[in-house]
Amino acid sequence: MDGVRGVFFSAKDPVLTTISEDSMVKLWDTKQLFSAPKGAHIDPYYTLRAHSGPLLAITGNQIDENISNSQENLVFTAGTEGVIRAWNVMKPETVDNFGPCGNIDICAGAWKAHEDAIWQLVHHSREVKLTFGILGSLISYFSLEPNDIIEL
């Protein structure tokens, strides 16, 4: 049975992002979530698929006017495959749930960070860096510079 492994609330937009053991990242409209009647069935407005194993960790970038990429609303995900992916989070009102997706590429990058599962991700509050943790108490500091992006 698949379960939700992590959640991240966007500081910029009304979006909740969840990760799960089924390798999927789901975007939820918090306005819809919080205004729905108790017990109502709510669907995510977008599902992201690119990971090949269960997801274990999620974090997002901090909104800081002093960071050059502060206009981007990014979420980072990782799991058992040892790959960190960065996703551009789309606002709910920009997605047509019943129309074609077109040529939308919201995966902003991917990094093969380790051979083992990544259990924890934390985005640095002022720099374009992540800290991640794997089994065996290893902690790594990882740069997210554009030239470090790999094609998977």
N, C-alpha and C. Protein backbone atom coordinates (compact mmCIF):
# COMPACT_ATOMS: atom_id res chain seq x y z
N MET A 1 0.84 -1.18 0.00
CA MET A 1 0.00 0.00 0.00
C MET A 1 0.89 1.25 0.00
N ASP A 2 0.60 2.17 -0.88
CA ASP A 2 1.36 3.40 -0.98
C ASP A 2 0.86 4.41 0.05
N GLY A 3 1.79 5.14 0.59
CA GLY A 3 1.43 6.15 1.57
C GLY A 3 2.15 7.45 1.31
N VAL A 4 1.58 8.54 1.80
CA VAL A 4 2.21 9.85 1.69
C VAL A 4 3.40 9.86 2.64
N ARG A 5 4.58 10.24 2.12
CA ARG A 5 5.81 10.26 2.90
C ARG A 5 6.23 11.66 3.33
N GLY A 6 5.72 12.68 2.65
CA GLY A 6 6.12 14.03 3.00
C GLY A 6 5.21 15.07 2.38
N VAL A 7 5.16 16.24 3.01
CA VAL A 7 4.35 17.36 2.51
C VAL A 7 5.17 18.64 2.60
N PHE A 8 4.86 19.58 1.70
CA PHE A 8 5.53 20.88 1.71
C PHE A 8 4.52 21.94 1.31
N PHE A 9 4.35 22.94 2.17
CA PHE A 9 3.49 24.08 1.84
C PHE A 9 4.33 25.15 1.17
N SER A 10 3.86 25.66 0.05
CA SER A 10 4.54 26.76 -0.64
C SER A 10 4.38 28.04 0.16
N ALA A 11 5.46 28.80 0.26
CA ALA A 11 5.40 30.09 0.96
C ALA A 11 4.87 31.18 0.04
N LYS A 12 4.85 30.92 -1.25
CA LYS A 12 4.50 31.94 -2.24
C LYS A 12 3.09 31.78 -2.80
N ASP A 13 2.69 30.55 -3.07
CA ASP A 13 1.41 30.28 -3.72
C ASP A 13 0.56 29.35 -2.85
N PRO A 14 -0.75 29.29 -3.11
CA PRO A 14 -1.62 28.41 -2.32
C PRO A 14 -1.50 26.95 -2.77
N VAL A 15 -0.32 26.37 -2.56
CA VAL A 15 -0.04 25.03 -3.05
C VAL A 15 0.53 24.16 -1.94
N LEU A 16 0.02 22.95 -1.85
CA LEU A 16 0.55 21.90 -0.99
C LEU A 16 1.12 20.84 -1.92
N THR A 17 2.36 20.44 -1.70
CA THR A 17 2.98 19.39 -2.52
C THR A 17 3.19 18.18 -1.64
N THR A 18 2.81 17.00 -2.15
CA THR A 18 3.00 15.76 -1.41
C THR A 18 3.85 14.80 -2.22
N ILE A 19 4.57 13.94 -1.50
CA ILE A 19 5.33 12.86 -2.13
C ILE A 19 4.85 11.55 -1.54
N SER A 20 5.03 10.48 -2.31
CA SER A 20 4.55 9.20 -1.83
C SER A 20 5.43 8.05 -2.29
N GLU A 21 5.14 6.89 -1.76
CA GLU A 21 5.90 5.69 -2.07
C GLU A 21 5.66 5.20 -3.50
N ASP A 22 4.64 5.72 -4.18
CA ASP A 22 4.36 5.32 -5.57
C ASP A 22 5.14 6.14 -6.59
N SER A 23 6.16 6.89 -6.13
CA SER A 23 7.07 7.68 -6.96
C SER A 23 6.43 8.95 -7.53
N MET A 24 5.29 9.33 -7.04
CA MET A 24 4.60 10.50 -7.58
C MET A 24 4.67 11.70 -6.65
N VAL A 25 4.75 12.87 -7.30
CA VAL A 25 4.69 14.16 -6.62
C VAL A 25 3.34 14.76 -7.02
N LYS A 26 2.55 15.16 -6.04
CA LYS A 26 1.22 15.71 -6.35
C LYS A 26 1.10 17.12 -5.83
N LEU A 27 0.48 17.97 -6.65
CA LEU A 27 0.25 19.37 -6.30
C LEU A 27 -1.23 19.55 -5.97
N TRP A 28 -1.50 20.16 -4.83
CA TRP A 28 -2.86 20.36 -4.34
C TRP A 28 -3.12 21.85 -4.16
N ASP A 29 -4.30 22.28 -4.52
CA ASP A 29 -4.73 23.67 -4.35
C ASP A 29 -5.23 23.83 -2.91
N THR A 30 -4.50 24.58 -2.09
CA THR A 30 -4.90 24.69 -0.68
C THR A 30 -6.21 25.45 -0.52
N LYS A 31 -6.52 26.36 -1.43
CA LYS A 31 -7.81 27.05 -1.34
C LYS A 31 -8.95 26.04 -1.46
N GLN A 32 -8.79 25.09 -2.36
CA GLN A 32 -9.80 24.05 -2.54
C GLN A 32 -9.82 23.09 -1.35
N LEU A 33 -8.62 22.72 -0.87
CA LEU A 33 -8.55 21.80 0.27
C LEU A 33 -9.22 22.34 1.51
N PHE A 34 -8.95 23.63 1.82
CA PHE A 34 -9.45 24.19 3.07
C PHE A 34 -10.89 24.69 2.99
N SER A 35 -11.43 24.85 1.78
CA SER A 35 -12.81 25.31 1.65
C SER A 35 -13.79 24.17 1.40
N ALA A 36 -13.30 22.96 1.16
CA ALA A 36 -14.18 21.83 0.88
C ALA A 36 -14.88 21.36 2.15
N PRO A 37 -16.09 20.85 2.01
CA PRO A 37 -16.79 20.29 3.17
C PRO A 37 -16.03 19.08 3.73
N LYS A 38 -16.18 18.84 5.00
CA LYS A 38 -15.52 17.71 5.64
C LYS A 38 -15.92 16.41 4.95
N GLY A 39 -14.92 15.60 4.64
CA GLY A 39 -15.16 14.32 3.99
C GLY A 39 -15.27 14.38 2.48
N ALA A 40 -15.16 15.56 1.89
CA ALA A 40 -15.25 15.69 0.44
C ALA A 40 -14.02 15.10 -0.23
N HIS A 41 -14.21 14.53 -1.42
CA HIS A 41 -13.09 13.98 -2.19
C HIS A 41 -12.46 15.10 -3.01
N ILE A 42 -11.17 15.33 -2.81
CA ILE A 42 -10.43 16.36 -3.53
C ILE A 42 -9.31 15.68 -4.31
N ASP A 43 -9.15 16.06 -5.57
CA ASP A 43 -8.06 15.53 -6.38
C ASP A 43 -6.94 16.55 -6.51
N PRO A 44 -5.71 16.08 -6.68
CA PRO A 44 -4.61 17.02 -6.94
C PRO A 44 -4.84 17.68 -8.29
N TYR A 45 -4.34 18.89 -8.45
CA TYR A 45 -4.52 19.56 -9.74
C TYR A 45 -3.41 19.20 -10.72
N TYR A 46 -2.34 18.57 -10.24
CA TYR A 46 -1.28 18.14 -11.14
C TYR A 46 -0.49 17.02 -10.47
N THR A 47 -0.08 16.01 -11.25
CA THR A 47 0.74 14.91 -10.76
C THR A 47 2.02 14.86 -11.57
N LEU A 48 3.15 14.79 -10.88
CA LEU A 48 4.46 14.78 -11.52
C LEU A 48 5.05 13.38 -11.44
N ARG A 49 5.52 12.90 -12.58
CA ARG A 49 6.11 11.55 -12.63
C ARG A 49 7.47 11.63 -13.31
N ALA A 50 8.52 11.29 -12.61
CA ALA A 50 9.85 11.21 -13.20
C ALA A 50 10.77 10.33 -12.35
N HIS A 51 10.44 10.19 -11.08
CA HIS A 51 11.24 9.32 -10.21
C HIS A 51 10.94 7.86 -10.53
N SER A 52 11.90 7.00 -10.22
CA SER A 52 11.70 5.57 -10.51
C SER A 52 11.57 4.72 -9.25
N GLY A 53 11.63 5.36 -8.09
CA GLY A 53 11.50 4.61 -6.84
C GLY A 53 10.69 5.40 -5.84
N PRO A 54 10.37 4.79 -4.71
CA PRO A 54 9.60 5.49 -3.67
C PRO A 54 10.27 6.79 -3.24
N LEU A 55 9.46 7.80 -3.00
CA LEU A 55 9.97 9.10 -2.56
C LEU A 55 9.96 9.18 -1.04
N LEU A 56 11.02 9.76 -0.49
CA LEU A 56 11.20 9.81 0.96
C LEU A 56 11.39 11.21 1.51
N ALA A 57 11.78 12.18 0.66
CA ALA A 57 12.14 13.51 1.16
C ALA A 57 11.63 14.60 0.23
N ILE A 58 11.22 15.73 0.83
CA ILE A 58 10.76 16.88 0.07
C ILE A 58 11.15 18.16 0.82
N THR A 59 11.49 19.18 0.07
CA THR A 59 11.74 20.51 0.61
C THR A 59 11.47 21.51 -0.51
N GLY A 60 11.52 22.78 -0.17
CA GLY A 60 11.31 23.81 -1.19
C GLY A 60 12.25 24.97 -0.98
N ASN A 61 12.37 25.80 -2.03
CA ASN A 61 13.26 26.94 -1.88
C ASN A 61 12.60 28.00 -1.03
N GLN A 62 13.43 28.81 -0.43
CA GLN A 62 12.96 29.89 0.42
C GLN A 62 12.73 31.12 -0.45
N ILE A 63 11.71 31.87 -0.17
CA ILE A 63 11.44 33.10 -0.90
C ILE A 63 12.20 34.22 -0.21
N ASP A 64 13.25 34.68 -0.85
CA ASP A 64 14.11 35.73 -0.28
C ASP A 64 14.46 36.68 -1.40
N GLU A 65 14.16 37.95 -1.25
CA GLU A 65 14.41 38.95 -2.29
C GLU A 65 15.89 39.10 -2.63
N ASN A 66 16.78 38.65 -1.77
CA ASN A 66 18.21 38.78 -2.01
C ASN A 66 18.79 37.65 -2.86
N ILE A 67 17.98 36.64 -3.15
CA ILE A 67 18.44 35.52 -3.98
C ILE A 67 17.99 35.76 -5.40
N SER A 68 18.88 35.59 -6.36
CA SER A 68 18.57 35.91 -7.75
C SER A 68 17.41 35.10 -8.30
N ASN A 69 17.24 33.87 -7.86
CA ASN A 69 16.16 33.02 -8.36
C ASN A 69 14.93 33.07 -7.48
N SER A 70 14.75 34.15 -6.72
CA SER A 70 13.68 34.20 -5.73
C SER A 70 12.29 34.17 -6.35
N GLN A 71 12.18 34.49 -7.63
CA GLN A 71 10.87 34.47 -8.28
C GLN A 71 10.41 33.04 -8.58
N GLU A 72 11.32 32.09 -8.59
CA GLU A 72 10.96 30.71 -8.86
C GLU A 72 10.40 30.07 -7.61
N ASN A 73 9.37 29.29 -7.80
CA ASN A 73 8.78 28.53 -6.71
C ASN A 73 9.17 27.07 -6.95
N LEU A 74 10.24 26.62 -6.32
CA LEU A 74 10.77 25.29 -6.57
C LEU A 74 10.50 24.35 -5.41
N VAL A 75 10.29 23.08 -5.75
CA VAL A 75 10.19 22.00 -4.78
C VAL A 75 11.23 20.97 -5.18
N PHE A 76 11.93 20.41 -4.19
CA PHE A 76 12.95 19.40 -4.42
C PHE A 76 12.47 18.09 -3.82
N THR A 77 12.63 16.99 -4.57
CA THR A 77 12.20 15.68 -4.10
C THR A 77 13.33 14.67 -4.29
N ALA A 78 13.34 13.65 -3.44
CA ALA A 78 14.35 12.60 -3.53
C ALA A 78 13.81 11.34 -2.86
N GLY A 79 14.47 10.23 -3.16
CA GLY A 79 14.02 8.98 -2.58
C GLY A 79 15.04 7.87 -2.70
N THR A 80 14.54 6.68 -2.94
CA THR A 80 15.39 5.48 -2.91
C THR A 80 16.37 5.40 -4.06
N GLU A 81 16.14 6.12 -5.14
CA GLU A 81 17.03 6.06 -6.31
C GLU A 81 18.27 6.95 -6.16
N GLY A 82 18.34 7.80 -5.14
CA GLY A 82 19.48 8.67 -4.92
C GLY A 82 19.53 9.89 -5.82
N VAL A 83 18.43 10.19 -6.49
CA VAL A 83 18.33 11.34 -7.40
C VAL A 83 17.51 12.44 -6.74
N ILE A 84 18.02 13.67 -6.82
CA ILE A 84 17.28 14.84 -6.38
C ILE A 84 16.72 15.51 -7.62
N ARG A 85 15.43 15.80 -7.61
CA ARG A 85 14.79 16.51 -8.72
C ARG A 85 14.25 17.84 -8.22
N ALA A 86 14.37 18.85 -9.05
CA ALA A 86 13.80 20.17 -8.77
C ALA A 86 12.62 20.38 -9.70
N TRP A 87 11.51 20.85 -9.14
CA TRP A 87 10.28 21.05 -9.90
C TRP A 87 9.84 22.51 -9.80
N ASN A 88 9.49 23.10 -10.95
CA ASN A 88 8.84 24.41 -10.96
C ASN A 88 7.38 24.18 -10.61
N VAL A 89 6.92 24.76 -9.52
CA VAL A 89 5.53 24.56 -9.08
C VAL A 89 4.63 25.55 -9.80
N MET A 90 3.68 25.01 -10.54
CA MET A 90 2.73 25.84 -11.27
C MET A 90 1.59 26.24 -10.35
N LYS A 91 1.08 27.44 -10.54
CA LYS A 91 -0.08 27.88 -9.78
C LYS A 91 -1.31 27.11 -10.24
N PRO A 92 -2.23 26.81 -9.33
CA PRO A 92 -3.42 26.04 -9.70
C PRO A 92 -4.22 26.66 -10.85
N GLU A 93 -4.31 27.98 -10.88
CA GLU A 93 -5.12 28.63 -11.90
C GLU A 93 -4.49 28.58 -13.30
N THR A 94 -3.23 28.15 -13.41
CA THR A 94 -2.58 28.05 -14.72
C THR A 94 -2.72 26.67 -15.34
N VAL A 95 -3.34 25.73 -14.62
CA VAL A 95 -3.47 24.36 -15.10
C VAL A 95 -4.92 24.09 -15.49
N ASP A 96 -5.11 23.59 -16.71
CA ASP A 96 -6.43 23.17 -17.18
C ASP A 96 -6.55 21.67 -16.91
N ASN A 97 -7.32 21.31 -15.90
CA ASN A 97 -7.43 19.90 -15.50
C ASN A 97 -8.01 19.00 -16.58
N PHE A 98 -8.74 19.56 -17.51
CA PHE A 98 -9.40 18.75 -18.52
C PHE A 98 -8.85 18.98 -19.92
N GLY A 99 -7.84 19.81 -20.05
CA GLY A 99 -7.26 20.11 -21.35
C GLY A 99 -5.91 19.46 -21.52
N PRO A 100 -5.32 19.63 -22.71
CA PRO A 100 -4.00 19.05 -22.95
C PRO A 100 -2.93 19.79 -22.16
N CYS A 101 -1.86 19.07 -21.83
CA CYS A 101 -0.75 19.66 -21.09
C CYS A 101 0.15 20.50 -21.98
N GLY A 102 0.17 20.21 -23.27
CA GLY A 102 1.07 20.94 -24.16
C GLY A 102 2.50 20.54 -23.90
N ASN A 103 3.41 21.45 -24.12
CA ASN A 103 4.83 21.19 -23.94
C ASN A 103 5.33 21.73 -22.61
N ILE A 104 4.66 21.39 -21.55
CA ILE A 104 5.04 21.85 -20.22
C ILE A 104 6.18 20.97 -19.70
N ASP A 105 7.28 21.59 -19.34
CA ASP A 105 8.39 20.87 -18.72
C ASP A 105 8.67 21.53 -17.39
N ILE A 106 8.10 20.99 -16.34
CA ILE A 106 8.26 21.64 -15.05
C ILE A 106 9.39 21.04 -14.23
N CYS A 107 10.07 20.03 -14.76
CA CYS A 107 11.25 19.51 -14.07
C CYS A 107 12.40 20.46 -14.37
N ALA A 108 12.85 21.18 -13.36
CA ALA A 108 13.89 22.20 -13.53
C ALA A 108 15.29 21.61 -13.52
N GLY A 109 15.43 20.39 -13.07
CA GLY A 109 16.75 19.77 -13.05
C GLY A 109 16.75 18.49 -12.24
N ALA A 110 17.80 17.71 -12.45
CA ALA A 110 17.97 16.46 -11.72
C ALA A 110 19.45 16.25 -11.43
N TRP A 111 19.74 15.74 -10.25
CA TRP A 111 21.10 15.51 -9.82
C TRP A 111 21.21 14.11 -9.24
N LYS A 112 22.16 13.32 -9.71
CA LYS A 112 22.44 12.02 -9.09
C LYS A 112 23.32 12.31 -7.88
N ALA A 113 22.70 12.38 -6.72
CA ALA A 113 23.39 12.84 -5.52
C ALA A 113 24.11 11.72 -4.79
N HIS A 114 23.58 10.49 -4.86
CA HIS A 114 24.18 9.39 -4.11
C HIS A 114 23.67 8.07 -4.67
N GLU A 115 24.38 7.00 -4.35
CA GLU A 115 23.95 5.67 -4.78
C GLU A 115 22.88 5.10 -3.85
N ASP A 116 22.81 5.61 -2.61
CA ASP A 116 21.84 5.11 -1.64
C ASP A 116 20.62 6.03 -1.59
N ALA A 117 19.62 5.59 -0.86
CA ALA A 117 18.39 6.37 -0.69
C ALA A 117 18.67 7.67 0.06
N ILE A 118 17.98 8.72 -0.34
CA ILE A 118 18.07 10.00 0.34
C ILE A 118 16.85 10.12 1.25
N TRP A 119 17.10 10.26 2.54
CA TRP A 119 16.03 10.23 3.54
C TRP A 119 15.58 11.61 3.98
N GLN A 120 16.43 12.62 3.79
CA GLN A 120 16.07 13.97 4.25
C GLN A 120 16.68 15.00 3.32
N LEU A 121 15.92 16.07 3.02
CA LEU A 121 16.39 17.19 2.22
C LEU A 121 16.06 18.48 2.96
N VAL A 122 17.00 19.43 2.96
CA VAL A 122 16.74 20.75 3.52
C VAL A 122 17.38 21.78 2.60
N HIS A 123 16.60 22.77 2.18
CA HIS A 123 17.11 23.84 1.32
C HIS A 123 17.72 24.93 2.20
N HIS A 124 18.90 25.42 1.80
CA HIS A 124 19.56 26.49 2.54
C HIS A 124 18.71 27.75 2.43
N SER A 125 18.62 28.52 3.50
CA SER A 125 17.73 29.69 3.52
C SER A 125 18.24 30.88 2.73
N ARG A 126 19.54 30.93 2.43
CA ARG A 126 20.07 32.09 1.70
C ARG A 126 20.91 31.73 0.49
N GLU A 127 21.25 30.48 0.30
CA GLU A 127 22.10 30.07 -0.81
C GLU A 127 21.40 29.00 -1.64
N VAL A 128 21.92 28.79 -2.85
CA VAL A 128 21.34 27.78 -3.75
C VAL A 128 22.03 26.45 -3.44
N LYS A 129 21.71 25.92 -2.26
CA LYS A 129 22.32 24.68 -1.81
C LYS A 129 21.30 23.84 -1.04
N LEU A 130 21.52 22.54 -1.06
CA LEU A 130 20.71 21.60 -0.30
C LEU A 130 21.61 20.82 0.63
N THR A 131 21.07 20.43 1.75
CA THR A 131 21.71 19.45 2.61
C THR A 131 20.84 18.21 2.54
N PHE A 132 21.47 17.06 2.40
CA PHE A 132 20.67 15.83 2.39
C PHE A 132 21.32 14.79 3.28
N GLY A 133 20.48 13.89 3.77
CA GLY A 133 20.95 12.83 4.64
C GLY A 133 20.59 11.47 4.09
N ILE A 134 21.52 10.53 4.25
CA ILE A 134 21.28 9.16 3.82
C ILE A 134 21.47 8.24 5.02
N LEU A 135 21.14 6.98 4.83
CA LEU A 135 21.30 5.98 5.88
C LEU A 135 22.77 5.87 6.27
N GLY A 136 23.05 5.65 7.50
CA GLY A 136 24.43 5.52 7.95
C GLY A 136 24.98 6.84 8.47
N SER A 137 24.11 7.79 8.74
CA SER A 137 24.43 9.08 9.34
C SER A 137 25.37 9.95 8.50
N LEU A 138 25.34 9.80 7.18
CA LEU A 138 26.11 10.68 6.30
C LEU A 138 25.25 11.89 5.93
N ILE A 139 25.81 13.07 6.10
CA ILE A 139 25.14 14.31 5.73
C ILE A 139 25.99 14.97 4.65
N SER A 140 25.37 15.41 3.55
CA SER A 140 26.11 16.06 2.47
C SER A 140 25.52 17.42 2.18
N TYR A 141 26.40 18.33 1.77
CA TYR A 141 26.04 19.68 1.37
C TYR A 141 26.17 19.71 -0.14
N PHE A 142 25.12 20.09 -0.86
CA PHE A 142 25.05 19.88 -2.30
C PHE A 142 24.73 21.20 -3.00
N SER A 143 25.54 21.58 -3.96
CA SER A 143 25.32 22.80 -4.73
C SER A 143 24.28 22.54 -5.81
N LEU A 144 23.42 23.51 -6.05
CA LEU A 144 22.39 23.39 -7.08
C LEU A 144 22.66 24.32 -8.25
N GLU A 145 23.91 24.54 -8.55
CA GLU A 145 24.26 25.42 -9.66
C GLU A 145 23.83 24.78 -10.98
N PRO A 146 23.39 25.59 -11.96
CA PRO A 146 22.90 25.06 -13.23
C PRO A 146 23.88 24.14 -13.95
N ASN A 147 25.19 24.37 -13.85
CA ASN A 147 26.14 23.53 -14.56
C ASN A 147 26.29 22.15 -13.92
N ASP A 148 25.70 21.94 -12.75
CA ASP A 148 25.74 20.63 -12.10
C ASP A 148 24.57 19.74 -12.48
N ILE A 149 23.62 20.25 -13.26
CA ILE A 149 22.45 19.48 -13.66
C ILE A 149 22.87 18.37 -14.60
N ILE A 150 22.29 17.19 -14.40
CA ILE A 150 22.59 16.07 -15.28
C ILE A 150 21.33 15.66 -16.02
N GLU A 151 21.49 15.08 -17.16
CA GLU A 151 20.37 14.52 -17.91
C GLU A 151 20.24 13.06 -17.52
N LEU A 152 19.07 12.65 -17.08
CA LEU A 152 18.84 11.26 -16.68
C LEU A 152 17.97 10.58 -17.71
